[in-house]
């Protein structure tokens, strides 16, 4: 029984490491507006690439397709070419990317926790 508990604790620790948000500065919120260049409906994480008017590409990581499906998303919830404003927790290293918090699409539809 002790071995089973230790194995479970080890697996939990690995899952926590895999799902770490340490690379993101969750104390900051950045708003990025632009055109969806890419919407990757893939596991383990869905990715939205937004191209700003200044020509800067932002890569925004979301959760898994399974989690998003449970929240009502589909592979067509975001479409390349549409205008979007995304809220994200930025990468700590200052590169153009972050963790998805919410979005407002050009038709007014809100996804996630958009403020």
PDB file of N, CA and C in Angstrom:
ATOM      1  N   UNK A   1       0.830  -1.198   0.000  1.00  0.00           N
ATOM      2  CA  UNK A   1       0.000   0.000   0.000  1.00  0.00           C
ATOM      3  C   UNK A   1       0.873   1.259   0.000  1.00  0.00           C
ATOM      4  N   UNK A   2       1.963   1.215   0.765  1.00  0.00           N
ATOM      5  CA  UNK A   2       2.847   2.368   0.831  1.00  0.00           C
ATOM      6  C   UNK A   2       3.459   2.669  -0.536  1.00  0.00           C
ATOM      7  N   UNK A   3       3.817   1.583  -1.290  1.00  0.00           N
ATOM      8  CA  UNK A   3       4.382   1.769  -2.618  1.00  0.00           C
ATOM      9  C   UNK A   3       3.370   2.418  -3.560  1.00  0.00           C
ATOM     10  N   UNK A   4       2.116   2.023  -3.452  1.00  0.00           N
ATOM     11  CA  UNK A   4       1.068   2.589  -4.299  1.00  0.00           C
ATOM     12  C   UNK A   4       0.921   4.075  -4.015  1.00  0.00           C
ATOM     13  N   UNK A   5       0.920   4.444  -2.739  1.00  0.00           N
ATOM     14  CA  UNK A   5       0.794   5.852  -2.366  1.00  0.00           C
ATOM     15  C   UNK A   5       1.998   6.655  -2.852  1.00  0.00           C
ATOM     16  N   UNK A   6       3.197   6.092  -2.723  1.00  0.00           N
ATOM     17  CA  UNK A   6       4.390   6.783  -3.199  1.00  0.00           C
ATOM     18  C   UNK A   6       4.358   6.950  -4.711  1.00  0.00           C
ATOM     19  N   UNK A   7       3.920   5.933  -5.416  1.00  0.00           N
ATOM     20  CA  UNK A   7       3.816   6.016  -6.875  1.00  0.00           C
ATOM     21  C   UNK A   7       2.797   7.080  -7.281  1.00  0.00           C
ATOM     22  N   UNK A   8       1.667   7.106  -6.590  1.00  0.00           N
ATOM     23  CA  UNK A   8       0.635   8.110  -6.883  1.00  0.00           C
ATOM     24  C   UNK A   8       1.162   9.508  -6.599  1.00  0.00           C
ATOM     25  N   UNK A   9       1.870   9.681  -5.504  1.00  0.00           N
ATOM     26  CA  UNK A   9       2.440  10.992  -5.160  1.00  0.00           C
ATOM     27  C   UNK A   9       3.458  11.416  -6.210  1.00  0.00           C
ATOM     28  N   UNK A  10       4.266  10.467  -6.680  1.00  0.00           N
ATOM     29  CA  UNK A  10       5.246  10.777  -7.718  1.00  0.00           C
ATOM     30  C   UNK A  10       4.586  11.183  -9.017  1.00  0.00           C
ATOM     31  N   UNK A  11       3.535  10.482  -9.394  1.00  0.00           N
ATOM     32  CA  UNK A  11       2.805  10.808 -10.619  1.00  0.00           C
ATOM     33  C   UNK A  11       2.166  12.187 -10.502  1.00  0.00           C
ATOM     34  N   UNK A  12       1.625  12.497  -9.334  1.00  0.00           N
ATOM     35  CA  UNK A  12       1.020  13.810  -9.116  1.00  0.00           C
ATOM     36  C   UNK A  12       2.079  14.898  -9.258  1.00  0.00           C
ATOM     37  N   UNK A  13       3.257  14.654  -8.708  1.00  0.00           N
ATOM     38  CA  UNK A  13       4.343  15.626  -8.800  1.00  0.00           C
ATOM     39  C   UNK A  13       4.758  15.869 -10.242  1.00  0.00           C
ATOM     40  N   UNK A  14       4.834  14.805 -11.048  1.00  0.00           N
ATOM     41  CA  UNK A  14       5.171  14.965 -12.456  1.00  0.00           C
ATOM     42  C   UNK A  14       4.094  15.749 -13.192  1.00  0.00           C
ATOM     43  N   UNK A  15       2.841  15.473 -12.880  1.00  0.00           N
ATOM     44  CA  UNK A  15       1.737  16.210 -13.516  1.00  0.00           C
ATOM     45  C   UNK A  15       1.811  17.685 -13.158  1.00  0.00           C
ATOM     46  N   UNK A  16       2.133  17.987 -11.918  1.00  0.00           N
ATOM     47  CA  UNK A  16       2.247  19.382 -11.505  1.00  0.00           C
ATOM     48  C   UNK A  16       3.386  20.068 -12.241  1.00  0.00           C
ATOM     49  N   UNK A  17       4.503  19.378 -12.400  1.00  0.00           N
ATOM     50  CA  UNK A  17       5.637  19.957 -13.119  1.00  0.00           C
ATOM     51  C   UNK A  17       5.268  20.211 -14.571  1.00  0.00           C
ATOM     52  N   UNK A  18       4.563  19.271 -15.198  1.00  0.00           N
ATOM     53  CA  UNK A  18       4.155  19.427 -16.590  1.00  0.00           C
ATOM     54  C   UNK A  18       3.204  20.604 -16.745  1.00  0.00           C
ATOM     55  N   UNK A  19       2.341  20.821 -15.785  1.00  0.00           N
ATOM     56  CA  UNK A  19       1.331  21.866 -15.868  1.00  0.00           C
ATOM     57  C   UNK A  19       1.729  23.119 -15.105  1.00  0.00           C
ATOM     58  N   UNK A  20       3.025  23.323 -14.938  1.00  0.00           N
ATOM     59  CA  UNK A  20       3.517  24.501 -14.239  1.00  0.00           C
ATOM     60  C   UNK A  20       3.214  25.760 -15.050  1.00  0.00           C
ATOM     61  N   UNK A  21       2.870  26.812 -14.356  1.00  0.00           N
ATOM     62  CA  UNK A  21       2.639  28.099 -14.994  1.00  0.00           C
ATOM     63  C   UNK A  21       3.771  29.065 -14.668  1.00  0.00           C
ATOM     64  N   UNK A  22       4.898  28.518 -14.174  1.00  0.00           N
ATOM     65  CA  UNK A  22       6.036  29.330 -13.761  1.00  0.00           C
ATOM     66  C   UNK A  22       6.628  30.185 -14.863  1.00  0.00           C
ATOM     67  N   UNK A  23       6.459  29.799 -16.110  1.00  0.00           N
ATOM     68  CA  UNK A  23       7.018  30.570 -17.217  1.00  0.00           C
ATOM     69  C   UNK A  23       6.211  31.825 -17.517  1.00  0.00           C
ATOM     70  N   UNK A  24       4.997  31.908 -16.944  1.00  0.00           N
ATOM     71  CA  UNK A  24       4.121  33.054 -17.177  1.00  0.00           C
ATOM     72  C   UNK A  24       4.107  33.965 -15.964  1.00  0.00           C
ATOM     73  N   UNK A  25       4.027  35.268 -16.208  1.00  0.00           N
ATOM     74  CA  UNK A  25       3.916  36.234 -15.121  1.00  0.00           C
ATOM     75  C   UNK A  25       2.434  36.475 -14.873  1.00  0.00           C
ATOM     76  N   UNK A  26       1.868  35.693 -13.968  1.00  0.00           N
ATOM     77  CA  UNK A  26       0.432  35.775 -13.698  1.00  0.00           C
ATOM     78  C   UNK A  26       0.037  37.016 -12.913  1.00  0.00           C
ATOM     79  N   UNK A  27       1.023  37.832 -12.521  1.00  0.00           N
ATOM     80  CA  UNK A  27       0.701  39.085 -11.839  1.00  0.00           C
ATOM     81  C   UNK A  27       0.393  40.197 -12.843  1.00  0.00           C
ATOM     82  N   UNK A  28       0.620  39.924 -14.126  1.00  0.00           N
ATOM     83  CA  UNK A  28       0.371  40.917 -15.179  1.00  0.00           C
ATOM     84  C   UNK A  28      -0.655  40.383 -16.168  1.00  0.00           C
ATOM     85  N   UNK A  29      -1.413  41.289 -16.744  1.00  0.00           N
ATOM     86  CA  UNK A  29      -2.325  40.946 -17.833  1.00  0.00           C
ATOM     87  C   UNK A  29      -1.975  41.843 -19.014  1.00  0.00           C
ATOM     88  N   UNK A  30      -1.774  41.218 -20.161  1.00  0.00           N
ATOM     89  CA  UNK A  30      -1.463  41.942 -21.395  1.00  0.00           C
ATOM     90  C   UNK A  30      -2.629  41.759 -22.354  1.00  0.00           C
ATOM     91  N   UNK A  31      -3.007  42.839 -23.018  1.00  0.00           N
ATOM     92  CA  UNK A  31      -4.052  42.789 -24.052  1.00  0.00           C
ATOM     93  C   UNK A  31      -3.370  42.861 -25.412  1.00  0.00           C
ATOM     94  N   UNK A  32      -3.696  41.912 -26.271  1.00  0.00           N
ATOM     95  CA  UNK A  32      -3.138  41.875 -27.625  1.00  0.00           C
ATOM     96  C   UNK A  32      -4.301  41.884 -28.604  1.00  0.00           C
ATOM     97  N   UNK A  33      -4.280  42.855 -29.512  1.00  0.00           N
ATOM     98  CA  UNK A  33      -5.314  42.935 -30.546  1.00  0.00           C
ATOM     99  C   UNK A  33      -4.670  42.738 -31.903  1.00  0.00           C
ATOM    100  N   UNK A  34      -5.381  42.034 -32.761  1.00  0.00           N
ATOM    101  CA  UNK A  34      -4.860  41.817 -34.100  1.00  0.00           C
ATOM    102  C   UNK A  34      -5.700  40.802 -34.851  1.00  0.00           C
ATOM    103  N   UNK A  35      -5.057  40.164 -35.799  1.00  0.00           N
ATOM    104  CA  UNK A  35      -5.705  39.172 -36.644  1.00  0.00           C
ATOM    105  C   UNK A  35      -5.202  37.792 -36.279  1.00  0.00           C
ATOM    106  N   UNK A  36      -6.119  36.837 -36.200  1.00  0.00           N
ATOM    107  CA  UNK A  36      -5.727  35.457 -35.925  1.00  0.00           C
ATOM    108  C   UNK A  36      -4.971  34.941 -37.142  1.00  0.00           C
ATOM    109  N   UNK A  37      -3.700  34.634 -36.948  1.00  0.00           N
ATOM    110  CA  UNK A  37      -2.880  34.082 -38.027  1.00  0.00           C
ATOM    111  C   UNK A  37      -3.024  32.569 -38.070  1.00  0.00           C
ATOM    112  N   UNK A  38      -3.241  31.982 -36.892  1.00  0.00           N
ATOM    113  CA  UNK A  38      -3.321  30.521 -36.793  1.00  0.00           C
ATOM    114  C   UNK A  38      -4.120  30.142 -35.554  1.00  0.00           C
ATOM    115  N   UNK A  39      -4.910  29.093 -35.676  1.00  0.00           N
ATOM    116  CA  UNK A  39      -5.612  28.497 -34.533  1.00  0.00           C
ATOM    117  C   UNK A  39      -5.331  27.012 -34.597  1.00  0.00           C
ATOM    118  N   UNK A  40      -4.451  26.542 -33.698  1.00  0.00           N
ATOM    119  CA  UNK A  40      -4.037  25.135 -33.689  1.00  0.00           C
ATOM    120  C   UNK A  40      -4.843  24.363 -32.659  1.00  0.00           C
ATOM    121  N   UNK A  41      -5.804  23.585 -33.106  1.00  0.00           N
ATOM    122  CA  UNK A  41      -6.663  22.746 -32.256  1.00  0.00           C
ATOM    123  C   UNK A  41      -5.941  21.412 -32.059  1.00  0.00           C
ATOM    124  N   UNK A  42      -4.914  21.413 -31.215  1.00  0.00           N
ATOM    125  CA  UNK A  42      -4.075  20.235 -31.011  1.00  0.00           C
ATOM    126  C   UNK A  42      -3.837  20.002 -29.535  1.00  0.00           C
ATOM    127  N   UNK A  43      -3.498  18.772 -29.197  1.00  0.00           N
ATOM    128  CA  UNK A  43      -3.090  18.444 -27.836  1.00  0.00           C
ATOM    129  C   UNK A  43      -1.571  18.420 -27.792  1.00  0.00           C
ATOM    130  N   UNK A  44      -0.952  18.721 -26.684  1.00  0.00           N
ATOM    131  CA  UNK A  44      -1.580  18.842 -25.380  1.00  0.00           C
ATOM    132  C   UNK A  44      -2.184  20.222 -25.107  1.00  0.00           C
ATOM    133  N   UNK A  45      -1.854  21.243 -25.945  1.00  0.00           N
ATOM    134  CA  UNK A  45      -2.388  22.579 -25.708  1.00  0.00           C
ATOM    135  C   UNK A  45      -2.809  23.221 -27.013  1.00  0.00           C
ATOM    136  N   UNK A  46      -3.964  23.851 -27.003  1.00  0.00           N
ATOM    137  CA  UNK A  46      -4.445  24.615 -28.145  1.00  0.00           C
ATOM    138  C   UNK A  46      -3.652  25.921 -28.191  1.00  0.00           C
ATOM    139  N   UNK A  47      -3.317  26.371 -29.393  1.00  0.00           N
ATOM    140  CA  UNK A  47      -2.512  27.580 -29.551  1.00  0.00           C
ATOM    141  C   UNK A  47      -3.219  28.543 -30.508  1.00  0.00           C
ATOM    142  N   UNK A  48      -3.203  29.824 -30.126  1.00  0.00           N
ATOM    143  CA  UNK A  48      -3.703  30.890 -30.990  1.00  0.00           C
ATOM    144  C   UNK A  48      -2.516  31.798 -31.302  1.00  0.00           C
ATOM    145  N   UNK A  49      -2.283  32.046 -32.576  1.00  0.00           N
ATOM    146  CA  UNK A  49      -1.229  32.976 -32.985  1.00  0.00           C
ATOM    147  C   UNK A  49      -1.922  34.228 -33.505  1.00  0.00           C
ATOM    148  N   UNK A  50      -1.597  35.361 -32.894  1.00  0.00           N
ATOM    149  CA  UNK A  50      -2.213  36.643 -33.258  1.00  0.00           C
ATOM    150  C   UNK A  50      -1.137  37.557 -33.833  1.00  0.00           C
ATOM    151  N   UNK A  51      -1.426  38.121 -34.995  1.00  0.00           N
ATOM    152  CA  UNK A  51      -0.529  39.062 -35.659  1.00  0.00           C
ATOM    153  C   UNK A  51      -1.081  40.469 -35.419  1.00  0.00           C
ATOM    154  N   UNK A  52      -0.286  41.326 -34.765  1.00  0.00           N
ATOM    155  CA  UNK A  52      -0.740  42.687 -34.482  1.00  0.00           C
ATOM    156  C   UNK A  52      -0.559  43.577 -35.709  1.00  0.00           C
ATOM    157  N   UNK A  53      -1.163  44.772 -35.669  1.00  0.00           N
ATOM    158  CA  UNK A  53      -1.038  45.731 -36.767  1.00  0.00           C
ATOM    159  C   UNK A  53       0.418  46.138 -36.968  1.00  0.00           C
ATOM    160  N   UNK A  54       1.225  46.071 -35.906  1.00  0.00           N
ATOM    161  CA  UNK A  54       2.647  46.421 -35.993  1.00  0.00           C
ATOM    162  C   UNK A  54       3.485  45.282 -36.556  1.00  0.00           C
ATOM    163  N   UNK A  55       2.838  44.150 -36.891  1.00  0.00           N
ATOM    164  CA  UNK A  55       3.553  43.019 -37.475  1.00  0.00           C
ATOM    165  C   UNK A  55       4.203  42.094 -36.471  1.00  0.00           C
ATOM    166  N   UNK A  56       3.792  42.183 -35.213  1.00  0.00           N
ATOM    167  CA  UNK A  56       4.341  41.322 -34.166  1.00  0.00           C
ATOM    168  C   UNK A  56       3.427  40.111 -33.979  1.00  0.00           C
ATOM    169  N   UNK A  57       4.010  38.924 -33.994  1.00  0.00           N
ATOM    170  CA  UNK A  57       3.245  37.693 -33.765  1.00  0.00           C
ATOM    171  C   UNK A  57       3.301  37.311 -32.299  1.00  0.00           C
ATOM    172  N   UNK A  58       2.134  37.057 -31.728  1.00  0.00           N
ATOM    173  CA  UNK A  58       2.019  36.588 -30.347  1.00  0.00           C
ATOM    174  C   UNK A  58       1.509  35.154 -30.375  1.00  0.00           C
ATOM    175  N   UNK A  59       2.199  34.263 -29.670  1.00  0.00           N
ATOM    176  CA  UNK A  59       1.787  32.868 -29.561  1.00  0.00           C
ATOM    177  C   UNK A  59       1.168  32.685 -28.182  1.00  0.00           C
ATOM    178  N   UNK A  60      -0.104  32.335 -28.168  1.00  0.00           N
ATOM    179  CA  UNK A  60      -0.861  32.261 -26.921  1.00  0.00           C
ATOM    180  C   UNK A  60      -1.299  30.820 -26.696  1.00  0.00           C
ATOM    181  N   UNK A  61      -0.851  30.265 -25.576  1.00  0.00           N
ATOM    182  CA  UNK A  61      -1.139  28.874 -25.247  1.00  0.00           C
ATOM    183  C   UNK A  61      -2.409  28.790 -24.409  1.00  0.00           C
ATOM    184  N   UNK A  62      -3.244  27.822 -24.744  1.00  0.00           N
ATOM    185  CA  UNK A  62      -4.485  27.578 -24.030  1.00  0.00           C
ATOM    186  C   UNK A  62      -4.419  26.188 -23.417  1.00  0.00           C
ATOM    187  N   UNK A  63      -5.497  25.696 -22.912  1.00  0.00           N
ATOM    188  CA  UNK A  63      -5.558  24.363 -22.327  1.00  0.00           C
ATOM    189  C   UNK A  63      -5.763  23.313 -23.425  1.00  0.00           C
ATOM    190  N   UNK A  64      -6.075  22.091 -23.052  1.00  0.00           N
ATOM    191  CA  UNK A  64      -6.235  20.998 -24.023  1.00  0.00           C
ATOM    192  C   UNK A  64      -7.579  21.091 -24.758  1.00  0.00           C
ATOM    193  N   UNK A  65      -7.670  20.371 -25.863  1.00  0.00           N
ATOM    194  CA  UNK A  65      -8.922  20.332 -26.624  1.00  0.00           C
ATOM    195  C   UNK A  65     -10.051  19.737 -25.769  1.00  0.00           C
ATOM    196  N   UNK A  66      -9.743  18.734 -24.973  1.00  0.00           N
ATOM    197  CA  UNK A  66     -10.765  18.117 -24.115  1.00  0.00           C
ATOM    198  C   UNK A  66     -11.348  19.104 -23.125  1.00  0.00           C
ATOM    199  N   UNK A  67     -10.480  19.872 -22.469  1.00  0.00           N
ATOM    200  CA  UNK A  67     -10.961  20.884 -21.524  1.00  0.00           C
ATOM    201  C   UNK A  67     -11.786  21.949 -22.237  1.00  0.00           C
ATOM    202  N   UNK A  68     -11.314  22.379 -23.401  1.00  0.00           N
ATOM    203  CA  UNK A  68     -12.055  23.406 -24.138  1.00  0.00           C
ATOM    204  C   UNK A  68     -13.408  22.889 -24.624  1.00  0.00           C
ATOM    205  N   UNK A  69     -13.473  21.636 -25.065  1.00  0.00           N
ATOM    206  CA  UNK A  69     -14.757  21.051 -25.473  1.00  0.00           C
ATOM    207  C   UNK A  69     -15.756  21.087 -24.326  1.00  0.00           C
ATOM    208  N   UNK A  70     -15.276  20.766 -23.127  1.00  0.00           N
ATOM    209  CA  UNK A  70     -16.169  20.797 -21.950  1.00  0.00           C
ATOM    210  C   UNK A  70     -16.659  22.216 -21.650  1.00  0.00           C
ATOM    211  N   UNK A  71     -15.925  23.217 -22.124  1.00  0.00           N
ATOM    212  CA  UNK A  71     -16.321  24.616 -21.934  1.00  0.00           C
ATOM    213  C   UNK A  71     -17.119  25.143 -23.119  1.00  0.00           C
ATOM    214  N   UNK A  72     -17.417  24.251 -24.096  1.00  0.00           N
ATOM    215  CA  UNK A  72     -18.246  24.644 -25.223  1.00  0.00           C
ATOM    216  C   UNK A  72     -17.499  25.073 -26.479  1.00  0.00           C
ATOM    217  N   UNK A  73     -16.175  25.009 -26.460  1.00  0.00           N
ATOM    218  CA  UNK A  73     -15.392  25.371 -27.639  1.00  0.00           C
ATOM    219  C   UNK A  73     -15.452  24.249 -28.674  1.00  0.00           C
ATOM    220  N   UNK A  74     -15.198  24.614 -29.925  1.00  0.00           N
ATOM    221  CA  UNK A  74     -14.996  23.643 -31.000  1.00  0.00           C
ATOM    222  C   UNK A  74     -13.755  24.082 -31.776  1.00  0.00           C
ATOM    223  N   UNK A  75     -13.368  23.252 -32.726  1.00  0.00           N
ATOM    224  CA  UNK A  75     -12.213  23.605 -33.565  1.00  0.00           C
ATOM    225  C   UNK A  75     -12.513  24.827 -34.434  1.00  0.00           C
ATOM    226  N   UNK A  76     -13.769  25.286 -34.440  1.00  0.00           N
ATOM    227  CA  UNK A  76     -14.162  26.447 -35.235  1.00  0.00           C
ATOM    228  C   UNK A  76     -14.483  27.666 -34.370  1.00  0.00           C
ATOM    229  N   UNK A  77     -14.191  27.600 -33.073  1.00  0.00           N
ATOM    230  CA  UNK A  77     -14.482  28.726 -32.174  1.00  0.00           C
ATOM    231  C   UNK A  77     -13.666  29.963 -32.520  1.00  0.00           C
ATOM    232  N   UNK A  78     -12.471  29.752 -33.019  1.00  0.00           N
ATOM    233  CA  UNK A  78     -11.602  30.842 -33.464  1.00  0.00           C
ATOM    234  C   UNK A  78     -11.201  30.509 -34.896  1.00  0.00           C
ATOM    235  N   UNK A  79     -11.261  31.508 -35.769  1.00  0.00           N
ATOM    236  CA  UNK A  79     -11.000  31.272 -37.187  1.00  0.00           C
ATOM    237  C   UNK A  79      -9.862  32.179 -37.660  1.00  0.00           C
ATOM    238  N   UNK A  80      -8.916  31.598 -38.368  1.00  0.00           N
ATOM    239  CA  UNK A  80      -7.827  32.392 -38.942  1.00  0.00           C
ATOM    240  C   UNK A  80      -8.415  33.494 -39.812  1.00  0.00           C
ATOM    241  N   UNK A  81      -7.856  34.697 -39.670  1.00  0.00           N
ATOM    242  CA  UNK A  81      -8.309  35.838 -40.454  1.00  0.00           C
ATOM    243  C   UNK A  81      -9.239  36.775 -39.695  1.00  0.00           C
ATOM    244  N   UNK A  82      -9.830  36.300 -38.590  1.00  0.00           N
ATOM    245  CA  UNK A  82     -10.738  37.184 -37.861  1.00  0.00           C
ATOM    246  C   UNK A  82      -9.962  38.075 -36.895  1.00  0.00           C
ATOM    247  N   UNK A  83     -10.575  39.204 -36.566  1.00  0.00           N
ATOM    248  CA  UNK A  83      -9.994  40.154 -35.628  1.00  0.00           C
ATOM    249  C   UNK A  83     -10.326  39.715 -34.213  1.00  0.00           C
ATOM    250  N   UNK A  84      -9.356  39.840 -33.317  1.00  0.00           N
ATOM    251  CA  UNK A  84      -9.529  39.362 -31.953  1.00  0.00           C
ATOM    252  C   UNK A  84      -8.728  40.236 -30.990  1.00  0.00           C
ATOM    253  N   UNK A  85      -9.233  40.346 -29.775  1.00  0.00           N
ATOM    254  CA  UNK A  85      -8.469  40.931 -28.678  1.00  0.00           C
ATOM    255  C   UNK A  85      -8.338  39.840 -27.625  1.00  0.00           C
ATOM    256  N   UNK A  86      -7.099  39.553 -27.240  1.00  0.00           N
ATOM    257  CA  UNK A  86      -6.826  38.466 -26.305  1.00  0.00           C
ATOM    258  C   UNK A  86      -6.178  39.024 -25.047  1.00  0.00           C
ATOM    259  N   UNK A  87      -6.649  38.542 -23.903  1.00  0.00           N
ATOM    260  CA  UNK A  87      -5.991  38.825 -22.626  1.00  0.00           C
ATOM    261  C   UNK A  87      -5.127  37.624 -22.287  1.00  0.00           C
ATOM    262  N   UNK A  88      -3.906  37.901 -21.848  1.00  0.00           N
ATOM    263  CA  UNK A  88      -3.004  36.805 -21.539  1.00  0.00           C
ATOM    264  C   UNK A  88      -2.073  37.174 -20.395  1.00  0.00           C
ATOM    265  N   UNK A  89      -1.564  36.142 -19.731  1.00  0.00           N
ATOM    266  CA  UNK A  89      -0.482  36.307 -18.763  1.00  0.00           C
ATOM    267  C   UNK A  89       0.792  36.152 -19.588  1.00  0.00           C
ATOM    268  N   UNK A  90       1.637  37.202 -19.660  1.00  0.00           N
ATOM    269  CA  UNK A  90       2.782  37.162 -20.567  1.00  0.00           C
ATOM    270  C   UNK A  90       3.896  36.231 -20.095  1.00  0.00           C
ATOM    271  N   UNK A  91       4.732  35.835 -21.035  1.00  0.00           N
ATOM    272  CA  UNK A  91       5.917  35.058 -20.692  1.00  0.00           C
ATOM    273  C   UNK A  91       6.870  35.923 -19.876  1.00  0.00           C
ATOM    274  N   UNK A  92       7.470  35.329 -18.881  1.00  0.00           N
ATOM    275  CA  UNK A  92       8.397  36.063 -18.013  1.00  0.00           C
ATOM    276  C   UNK A  92       9.643  36.550 -18.747  1.00  0.00           C
ATOM    277  N   UNK A  93      10.046  35.841 -19.795  1.00  0.00           N
ATOM    278  CA  UNK A  93      11.278  36.211 -20.495  1.00  0.00           C
ATOM    279  C   UNK A  93      11.090  37.382 -21.462  1.00  0.00           C
ATOM    280  N   UNK A  94       9.858  37.909 -21.555  1.00  0.00           N
ATOM    281  CA  UNK A  94       9.604  39.078 -22.380  1.00  0.00           C
ATOM    282  C   UNK A  94       9.315  38.781 -23.843  1.00  0.00           C
ATOM    283  N   UNK A  95       9.402  37.520 -24.248  1.00  0.00           N
ATOM    284  CA  UNK A  95       9.089  37.203 -25.640  1.00  0.00           C
ATOM    285  C   UNK A  95       7.581  37.311 -25.862  1.00  0.00           C
ATOM    286  N   UNK A  96       7.180  37.374 -27.105  1.00  0.00           N
ATOM    287  CA  UNK A  96       5.783  37.620 -27.460  1.00  0.00           C
ATOM    288  C   UNK A  96       4.949  36.351 -27.384  1.00  0.00           C
ATOM    289  N   UNK A  97       4.512  36.038 -26.184  1.00  0.00           N
ATOM    290  CA  UNK A  97       3.682  34.871 -25.955  1.00  0.00           C
ATOM    291  C   UNK A  97       3.104  34.923 -24.562  1.00  0.00           C
ATOM    292  N   UNK A  98       2.212  33.978 -24.289  1.00  0.00           N
ATOM    293  CA  UNK A  98       1.629  33.951 -22.964  1.00  0.00           C
ATOM    294  C   UNK A  98       0.579  32.868 -22.816  1.00  0.00           C
ATOM    295  N   UNK A  99      -0.034  32.898 -21.661  1.00  0.00           N
ATOM    296  CA  UNK A  99      -1.075  31.945 -21.296  1.00  0.00           C
ATOM    297  C   UNK A  99      -2.439  32.606 -21.467  1.00  0.00           C
ATOM    298  N   UNK A 100      -3.304  31.983 -22.238  1.00  0.00           N
ATOM    299  CA  UNK A 100      -4.631  32.507 -22.554  1.00  0.00           C
ATOM    300  C   UNK A 100      -5.465  32.713 -21.293  1.00  0.00           C
ATOM    301  N   UNK A 101      -6.074  33.888 -21.189  1.00  0.00           N
ATOM    302  CA  UNK A 101      -7.025  34.172 -20.113  1.00  0.00           C
ATOM    303  C   UNK A 101      -8.429  34.358 -20.678  1.00  0.00           C
ATOM    304  N   UNK A 102      -8.530  35.091 -21.784  1.00  0.00           N
ATOM    305  CA  UNK A 102      -9.826  35.337 -22.390  1.00  0.00           C
ATOM    306  C   UNK A 102      -9.662  36.058 -23.713  1.00  0.00           C
ATOM    307  N   UNK A 103     -10.748  36.113 -24.477  1.00  0.00           N
ATOM    308  CA  UNK A 103     -10.700  36.777 -25.778  1.00  0.00           C
ATOM    309  C   UNK A 103     -12.067  37.338 -26.133  1.00  0.00           C
ATOM    310  N   UNK A 104     -12.027  38.383 -26.938  1.00  0.00           N
ATOM    311  CA  UNK A 104     -13.248  38.930 -27.510  1.00  0.00           C
ATOM    312  C   UNK A 104     -13.065  38.907 -29.020  1.00  0.00           C
ATOM    313  N   UNK A 105     -13.980  38.225 -29.697  1.00  0.00           N
ATOM    314  CA  UNK A 105     -13.916  38.096 -31.149  1.00  0.00           C
ATOM    315  C   UNK A 105     -14.576  39.289 -31.825  1.00  0.00           C
ATOM    316  N   UNK A 106     -14.360  39.423 -33.128  1.00  0.00           N
ATOM    317  CA  UNK A 106     -14.879  40.567 -33.878  1.00  0.00           C
ATOM    318  C   UNK A 106     -16.403  40.639 -33.864  1.00  0.00           C
ATOM    319  N   UNK A 107     -17.073  39.496 -33.686  1.00  0.00           N
ATOM    320  CA  UNK A 107     -18.541  39.499 -33.632  1.00  0.00           C
ATOM    321  C   UNK A 107     -19.073  39.781 -32.229  1.00  0.00           C
ATOM    322  N   UNK A 108     -18.162  40.073 -31.282  1.00  0.00           N
ATOM    323  CA  UNK A 108     -18.561  40.381 -29.908  1.00  0.00           C
ATOM    324  C   UNK A 108     -18.585  39.192 -28.977  1.00  0.00           C
ATOM    325  N   UNK A 109     -18.421  37.988 -29.511  1.00  0.00           N
ATOM    326  CA  UNK A 109     -18.425  36.787 -28.687  1.00  0.00           C
ATOM    327  C   UNK A 109     -17.216  36.780 -27.763  1.00  0.00           C
ATOM    328  N   UNK A 110     -17.445  36.412 -26.509  1.00  0.00           N
ATOM    329  CA  UNK A 110     -16.389  36.355 -25.509  1.00  0.00           C
ATOM    330  C   UNK A 110     -16.056  34.894 -25.200  1.00  0.00           C
ATOM    331  N   UNK A 111     -14.761  34.604 -25.170  1.00  0.00           N
ATOM    332  CA  UNK A 111     -14.263  33.269 -24.818  1.00  0.00           C
ATOM    333  C   UNK A 111     -13.410  33.401 -23.565  1.00  0.00           C
ATOM    334  N   UNK A 112     -13.569  32.480 -22.645  1.00  0.00           N
ATOM    335  CA  UNK A 112     -12.760  32.496 -21.427  1.00  0.00           C
ATOM    336  C   UNK A 112     -13.199  33.598 -20.477  1.00  0.00           C
ATOM    337  N   UNK A 113     -12.230  34.127 -19.752  1.00  0.00           N
ATOM    338  CA  UNK A 113     -12.489  35.117 -18.698  1.00  0.00           C
ATOM    339  C   UNK A 113     -12.144  36.521 -19.150  1.00  0.00           C
ATOM    340  N   UNK A 114     -12.572  36.916 -20.332  1.00  0.00           N
ATOM    341  CA  UNK A 114     -12.248  38.241 -20.881  1.00  0.00           C
ATOM    342  C   UNK A 114     -12.845  39.335 -20.011  1.00  0.00           C
ATOM    343  N   UNK A 115     -12.017  40.325 -19.663  1.00  0.00           N
ATOM    344  CA  UNK A 115     -12.481  41.452 -18.821  1.00  0.00           C
ATOM    345  C   UNK A 115     -12.840  42.597 -19.721  1.00  0.00           C
TER     346      UNK A 115
END
